[in-house]
Structure formats: C-alpha cells, structure tokens
Amino acid sequence: MIKGIGTDIVKVSRMNTDIAKRILSKSELDKYQGFSSDQRKSEFLAGRFAIKEAISKALSHIDFALSFNELEIKNNEFGQPYLVCDKLKNDRFSLSISHESDYAIGFCIIEDANL
C-alpha cells in the first residue's frame, strides 16, 4: 500500500556551502567536501536537497519532525539512492534523483514495509 508520494525540483546554481551544512548528514557532508569541482558539489547538493524535500512531502502524514540532516541518502552498487534513517524503519522508500542542465529533481514513494 502506498502511504505517501513526494517530488521536488531544485535549481543547481542556487546551492551553496551554507545549505550543505544545514541539510547534509555527516557522511554526506564529507562526500560533498571531497569533490574538487564546485559544479559537482552543487549538483550533489541539489540532488540531496531535492530528494530530502520529496521525502518530507511524502511524510507529511506523520506528526513527528525530522531535520534534513537526520535523513541520510546513500547509493547502492548500481547508483540507486536509498534512505538511511533509524526513525523510519517501518516503511519502504523508493527514491529517484535526476539531473538535467541547471536542475535536480527528487521523487519519493513510501510503501508499508509490512505488506
């Protein structure tokens, strides 16, 4: 059963280090700081911001707050993003992040993990 759907689009050129410090988990921030290119940093940050906004929108039905730095996005061996968050273990999250030109989009579907 689908419990939530969320999507968001972010302009890559609007991303900056202040946003990174506010929304990224510790390991995401380490990865972000490891990129040598400012463009790659902005693309990474825009993707993470878009997917975390999409997750937040999909979670609008729950009544506890999570900060974006509590939502950690990792990638599996095929590059597919997945969510790591101890507070959200009872749901299955399907995530997608895409980039095109100066935009990044995040899409999230939440399903009951017990079905």
C-alpha atoms as a PDB file:
ATOM      1  CA  MET A   1       0.000   0.000   0.000  1.00  0.00           C
ATOM      2  CA  ILE A   2       1.325   3.434  -0.940  1.00  0.00           C
ATOM      3  CA  LYS A   3       1.485   5.715   2.092  1.00  0.00           C
ATOM      4  CA  GLY A   4       2.995   8.832   0.516  1.00  0.00           C
ATOM      5  CA  ILE A   5       4.359  10.385  -2.662  1.00  0.00           C
ATOM      6  CA  GLY A   6       6.585  13.438  -2.904  1.00  0.00           C
ATOM      7  CA  THR A   7       8.553  15.280  -5.550  1.00  0.00           C
ATOM      8  CA  ASP A   8      10.718  18.392  -5.678  1.00  0.00           C
ATOM      9  CA  ILE A   9      12.845  20.296  -8.166  1.00  0.00           C
ATOM     10  CA  VAL A  10      15.870  22.425  -7.255  1.00  0.00           C
ATOM     11  CA  LYS A  11      17.977  24.869  -9.245  1.00  0.00           C
ATOM     12  CA  VAL A  12      21.596  23.677  -9.055  1.00  0.00           C
ATOM     13  CA  SER A  13      23.075  27.186  -9.309  1.00  0.00           C
ATOM     14  CA  ARG A  14      21.300  28.254  -6.086  1.00  0.00           C
ATOM     15  CA  MET A  15      23.197  25.738  -3.940  1.00  0.00           C
ATOM     16  CA  ASN A  16      25.953  26.862  -1.544  1.00  0.00           C
ATOM     17  CA  THR A  17      28.018  25.684   1.418  1.00  0.00           C
ATOM     18  CA  ASP A  18      25.599  27.184   3.972  1.00  0.00           C
ATOM     19  CA  ILE A  19      22.828  24.950   2.618  1.00  0.00           C
ATOM     20  CA  ALA A  20      25.176  21.947   2.687  1.00  0.00           C
ATOM     21  CA  LYS A  21      25.950  22.427   6.379  1.00  0.00           C
ATOM     22  CA  ARG A  22      22.245  22.704   7.167  1.00  0.00           C
ATOM     23  CA  ILE A  23      20.855  19.706   5.273  1.00  0.00           C
ATOM     24  CA  LEU A  24      23.569  17.079   4.831  1.00  0.00           C
ATOM     25  CA  SER A  25      24.333  14.271   7.267  1.00  0.00           C
ATOM     26  CA  LYS A  26      27.919  13.946   8.493  1.00  0.00           C
ATOM     27  CA  SER A  27      28.865  11.343   5.876  1.00  0.00           C
ATOM     28  CA  GLU A  28      27.077  13.272   3.095  1.00  0.00           C
ATOM     29  CA  LEU A  29      28.953  16.427   4.099  1.00  0.00           C
ATOM     30  CA  ASP A  30      32.247  14.508   3.988  1.00  0.00           C
ATOM     31  CA  LYS A  31      31.416  13.259   0.486  1.00  0.00           C
ATOM     32  CA  TYR A  32      30.368  16.782  -0.605  1.00  0.00           C
ATOM     33  CA  GLN A  33      33.626  18.286   0.685  1.00  0.00           C
ATOM     34  CA  GLY A  34      35.594  15.582  -1.143  1.00  0.00           C
ATOM     35  CA  PHE A  35      34.506  16.810  -4.572  1.00  0.00           C
ATOM     36  CA  SER A  36      37.149  19.042  -6.170  1.00  0.00           C
ATOM     37  CA  SER A  37      34.776  20.738  -8.619  1.00  0.00           C
ATOM     38  CA  ASP A  38      32.365  23.415  -7.363  1.00  0.00           C
ATOM     39  CA  GLN A  39      29.933  22.350 -10.103  1.00  0.00           C
ATOM     40  CA  ARG A  40      29.953  18.734  -8.876  1.00  0.00           C
ATOM     41  CA  LYS A  41      29.439  19.937  -5.296  1.00  0.00           C
ATOM     42  CA  SER A  42      26.417  21.984  -6.400  1.00  0.00           C
ATOM     43  CA  GLU A  43      24.948  19.083  -8.393  1.00  0.00           C
ATOM     44  CA  PHE A  44      25.381  16.660  -5.472  1.00  0.00           C
ATOM     45  CA  LEU A  45      23.860  19.127  -3.016  1.00  0.00           C
ATOM     46  CA  ALA A  46      20.924  19.958  -5.304  1.00  0.00           C
ATOM     47  CA  GLY A  47      20.133  16.258  -5.699  1.00  0.00           C
ATOM     48  CA  ARG A  48      20.265  15.655  -1.951  1.00  0.00           C
ATOM     49  CA  PHE A  49      18.151  18.740  -1.244  1.00  0.00           C
ATOM     50  CA  ALA A  50      15.549  17.740  -3.861  1.00  0.00           C
ATOM     51  CA  ILE A  51      15.217  14.166  -2.577  1.00  0.00           C
ATOM     52  CA  LYS A  52      15.018  15.247   1.066  1.00  0.00           C
ATOM     53  CA  GLU A  53      12.277  17.750   0.171  1.00  0.00           C
ATOM     54  CA  ALA A  54      10.461  14.970  -1.714  1.00  0.00           C
ATOM     55  CA  ILE A  55      10.753  12.661   1.306  1.00  0.00           C
ATOM     56  CA  SER A  56       9.468  15.430   3.575  1.00  0.00           C
ATOM     57  CA  LYS A  57       6.443  15.951   1.330  1.00  0.00           C
ATOM     58  CA  ALA A  58       5.758  12.212   1.193  1.00  0.00           C
ATOM     59  CA  LEU A  59       5.944  12.088   5.010  1.00  0.00           C
ATOM     60  CA  SER A  60       3.504  14.957   5.517  1.00  0.00           C
ATOM     61  CA  HIS A  61       1.002  12.499   7.064  1.00  0.00           C
ATOM     62  CA  ILE A  62       3.159  11.749  10.123  1.00  0.00           C
ATOM     63  CA  ASP A  63       3.234  14.023  13.147  1.00  0.00           C
ATOM     64  CA  PHE A  64       6.875  13.989  14.222  1.00  0.00           C
ATOM     65  CA  ALA A  65       9.537  16.250  12.818  1.00  0.00           C
ATOM     66  CA  LEU A  66      12.799  15.189  11.236  1.00  0.00           C
ATOM     67  CA  SER A  67      15.594  17.522  10.271  1.00  0.00           C
ATOM     68  CA  PHE A  68      17.130  17.016   6.850  1.00  0.00           C
ATOM     69  CA  ASN A  69      20.490  16.053   8.357  1.00  0.00           C
ATOM     70  CA  GLU A  70      18.747  13.060  10.012  1.00  0.00           C
ATOM     71  CA  LEU A  71      17.836  11.767   6.534  1.00  0.00           C
ATOM     72  CA  GLU A  72      20.917  10.183   5.014  1.00  0.00           C
ATOM     73  CA  ILE A  73      20.889   9.285   1.334  1.00  0.00           C
ATOM     74  CA  LYS A  74      23.326   6.620   0.171  1.00  0.00           C
ATOM     75  CA  ASN A  75      23.717   4.833  -3.146  1.00  0.00           C
ATOM     76  CA  ASN A  76      23.799   1.088  -3.748  1.00  0.00           C
ATOM     77  CA  GLU A  77      26.316  -0.605  -6.043  1.00  0.00           C
ATOM     78  CA  PHE A  78      24.190   0.350  -9.072  1.00  0.00           C
ATOM     79  CA  GLY A  79      23.989   4.027  -8.080  1.00  0.00           C
ATOM     80  CA  GLN A  80      20.363   3.845  -6.939  1.00  0.00           C
ATOM     81  CA  PRO A  81      19.691   6.126  -3.954  1.00  0.00           C
ATOM     82  CA  TYR A  82      18.266   4.740  -0.729  1.00  0.00           C
ATOM     83  CA  LEU A  83      17.346   6.228   2.644  1.00  0.00           C
ATOM     84  CA  VAL A  84      19.097   5.544   5.937  1.00  0.00           C
ATOM     85  CA  CYS A  85      17.089   6.783   8.936  1.00  0.00           C
ATOM     86  CA  ASP A  86      16.574   4.865  12.178  1.00  0.00           C
ATOM     87  CA  LYS A  87      13.270   6.648  12.844  1.00  0.00           C
ATOM     88  CA  LEU A  88      11.711   5.401   9.589  1.00  0.00           C
ATOM     89  CA  LYS A  89      12.335   1.643   9.592  1.00  0.00           C
ATOM     90  CA  ASN A  90       8.673   0.589   9.243  1.00  0.00           C
ATOM     91  CA  ASP A  91       8.304   1.934   5.716  1.00  0.00           C
ATOM     92  CA  ARG A  92       9.894   1.146   2.357  1.00  0.00           C
ATOM     93  CA  PHE A  93      11.174   4.173   0.422  1.00  0.00           C
ATOM     94  CA  SER A  94      11.644   4.147  -3.354  1.00  0.00           C
ATOM     95  CA  LEU A  95      13.798   7.115  -4.362  1.00  0.00           C
ATOM     96  CA  SER A  96      14.932   8.662  -7.614  1.00  0.00           C
ATOM     97  CA  ILE A  97      17.269  11.608  -8.214  1.00  0.00           C
ATOM     98  CA  SER A  98      17.848  13.058 -11.688  1.00  0.00           C
ATOM     99  CA  HIS A  99      19.832  15.999 -13.032  1.00  0.00           C
ATOM    100  CA  GLU A 100      19.295  17.955 -16.228  1.00  0.00           C
ATOM    101  CA  SER A 101      21.041  21.194 -17.092  1.00  0.00           C
ATOM    102  CA  ASP A 102      20.708  23.513 -14.059  1.00  0.00           C
ATOM    103  CA  TYR A 103      18.059  21.418 -12.275  1.00  0.00           C
ATOM    104  CA  ALA A 104      17.861  18.401  -9.991  1.00  0.00           C
ATOM    105  CA  ILE A 105      14.647  16.535  -9.236  1.00  0.00           C
ATOM    106  CA  GLY A 106      13.836  14.143  -6.423  1.00  0.00           C
ATOM    107  CA  PHE A 107      10.940  11.679  -6.362  1.00  0.00           C
ATOM    108  CA  CYS A 108       9.868   9.510  -3.416  1.00  0.00           C
ATOM    109  CA  ILE A 109       7.253   6.796  -2.932  1.00  0.00           C
ATOM    110  CA  ILE A 110       6.629   5.424   0.568  1.00  0.00           C
ATOM    111  CA  GLU A 111       5.089   1.973   0.977  1.00  0.00           C
ATOM    112  CA  ASP A 112       4.216  -0.055   4.044  1.00  0.00           C
ATOM    113  CA  ALA A 113       7.169  -2.400   4.602  1.00  0.00           C
ATOM    114  CA  ASN A 114       4.933  -4.972   6.302  1.00  0.00           C
ATOM    115  CA  LEU A 115       2.933  -5.842   3.183  1.00  0.00           C
END
